[in-house]
Amino acid sequence: MARARKSKKSMIFRIAFLAFTVYVAVSVTAIQIDIANRKQQLADAQAQLDEQKLIKSEITDILNSGENTEYIMKIAREKLGMAFPDEEVFVDPNRKE
């Protein structure tokens, strides 16, 4: 009888250990997948940052050269909402941006 009890406890322990092992394996796999996704998001964000730095550098070069005043005025109007003091600005409320 003691042997049957010990065998039953041993079987329960083995099943519990197996369930715990499977749980850990599944958890580790899910974490690895999450890490891979986060690394991809980081790489995408870094690529966007590099692209924005390049655009900023190009715009800074253009602004520092001072040669292209039409471009500077266009950016000031479109991006910054600026206008000359004597200029009348009409805003289309139906315009989608």
Protein backbone atom coordinates (compact mmCIF):
# COMPACT_ATOMS: atom_id res chain seq x y z
CA MET A 1 0.00 0.00 0.00
CA ALA A 2 2.82 2.38 0.82
CA ARG A 3 4.40 1.58 -2.48
CA ALA A 4 1.19 2.42 -4.38
CA ARG A 5 0.96 5.69 -2.50
CA LYS A 6 4.58 6.54 -3.29
CA SER A 7 4.05 5.61 -6.92
CA LYS A 8 0.94 7.80 -7.08
CA LYS A 9 2.80 10.76 -5.54
CA SER A 10 5.69 10.18 -7.92
CA MET A 11 3.30 10.16 -10.89
CA ILE A 12 1.61 13.39 -9.72
CA PHE A 13 5.04 15.01 -9.26
CA ARG A 14 6.10 13.96 -12.77
CA ILE A 15 2.91 15.32 -14.31
CA ALA A 16 3.26 18.60 -12.40
CA PHE A 17 6.91 18.87 -13.43
CA LEU A 18 6.02 18.16 -17.06
CA ALA A 19 3.23 20.77 -16.98
CA PHE A 20 5.61 23.31 -15.44
CA THR A 21 8.25 22.54 -18.08
CA VAL A 22 5.73 22.98 -20.90
CA TYR A 23 4.56 26.27 -19.33
CA VAL A 24 8.12 27.59 -19.13
CA ALA A 25 8.86 26.54 -22.71
CA VAL A 26 5.73 28.25 -24.02
CA SER A 27 6.47 31.39 -21.98
CA VAL A 28 10.06 31.57 -23.21
CA THR A 29 8.92 31.11 -26.80
CA ALA A 30 6.32 33.88 -26.45
CA ILE A 31 8.92 36.20 -24.94
CA GLN A 32 11.36 35.45 -27.76
CA ILE A 33 8.67 36.27 -30.34
CA ASP A 34 7.91 39.52 -28.51
CA ILE A 35 11.61 40.41 -28.44
CA ALA A 36 11.90 39.78 -32.18
CA ASN A 37 8.86 41.99 -32.85
CA ARG A 38 10.26 44.77 -30.66
CA LYS A 39 13.63 44.57 -32.43
CA GLN A 40 11.85 44.95 -35.77
CA GLN A 41 9.92 47.96 -34.45
CA LEU A 42 13.16 49.46 -33.21
CA ALA A 43 14.82 48.93 -36.59
CA ASP A 44 11.84 50.56 -38.35
CA ALA A 45 11.92 53.52 -35.97
CA GLN A 46 15.67 53.88 -36.46
CA ALA A 47 15.20 53.88 -40.25
CA GLN A 48 12.54 56.60 -39.94
CA LEU A 49 14.83 58.60 -37.67
CA ASP A 50 17.70 58.32 -40.15
CA GLU A 51 15.40 59.43 -42.98
CA GLN A 52 14.18 62.43 -40.96
CA LYS A 53 17.76 63.37 -40.08
CA LEU A 54 18.65 63.31 -43.78
CA ILE A 55 15.65 65.48 -44.65
CA LYS A 56 16.52 67.90 -41.85
CA SER A 57 20.10 68.07 -43.06
CA GLU A 58 18.99 68.81 -46.63
CA ILE A 59 16.57 71.51 -45.49
CA THR A 60 19.19 73.04 -43.19
CA ASP A 61 21.67 73.14 -46.07
CA ILE A 62 19.11 74.85 -48.30
CA LEU A 63 18.18 77.36 -45.60
CA ASN A 64 21.81 78.11 -44.79
CA SER A 65 22.69 78.67 -48.43
CA GLY A 66 20.05 81.43 -48.68
CA GLU A 67 19.96 81.03 -52.45
CA ASN A 68 16.51 79.55 -52.84
CA THR A 69 14.22 82.17 -51.34
CA GLU A 70 11.17 80.81 -53.17
CA TYR A 71 11.63 77.46 -51.46
CA ILE A 72 12.06 79.15 -48.09
CA MET A 73 8.88 81.19 -48.60
CA LYS A 74 6.97 78.06 -49.69
CA ILE A 75 8.03 76.14 -46.57
CA ALA A 76 7.24 79.14 -44.36
CA ARG A 77 3.73 79.38 -45.83
CA GLU A 78 2.86 75.67 -46.01
CA LYS A 79 4.55 74.22 -42.94
CA LEU A 80 4.73 77.17 -40.57
CA GLY A 81 1.60 79.08 -41.60
CA MET A 82 3.53 82.32 -42.08
CA ALA A 83 2.67 85.16 -44.46
CA PHE A 84 3.89 88.64 -45.33
CA PRO A 85 2.37 91.48 -43.27
CA ASP A 86 0.48 92.94 -46.26
CA GLU A 87 -0.58 89.56 -47.64
CA GLU A 88 -4.16 88.31 -47.34
CA VAL A 89 -4.45 84.62 -46.57
CA PHE A 90 -7.59 82.67 -47.39
CA VAL A 91 -8.13 79.33 -45.68
CA ASP A 92 -10.35 76.69 -47.24
CA PRO A 93 -12.25 75.03 -44.35
CA ASN A 94 -13.11 72.02 -46.55
CA ARG A 95 -9.49 71.27 -47.40
CA LYS A 96 -8.27 67.89 -46.12
CA GLU A 97 -4.67 67.61 -44.94
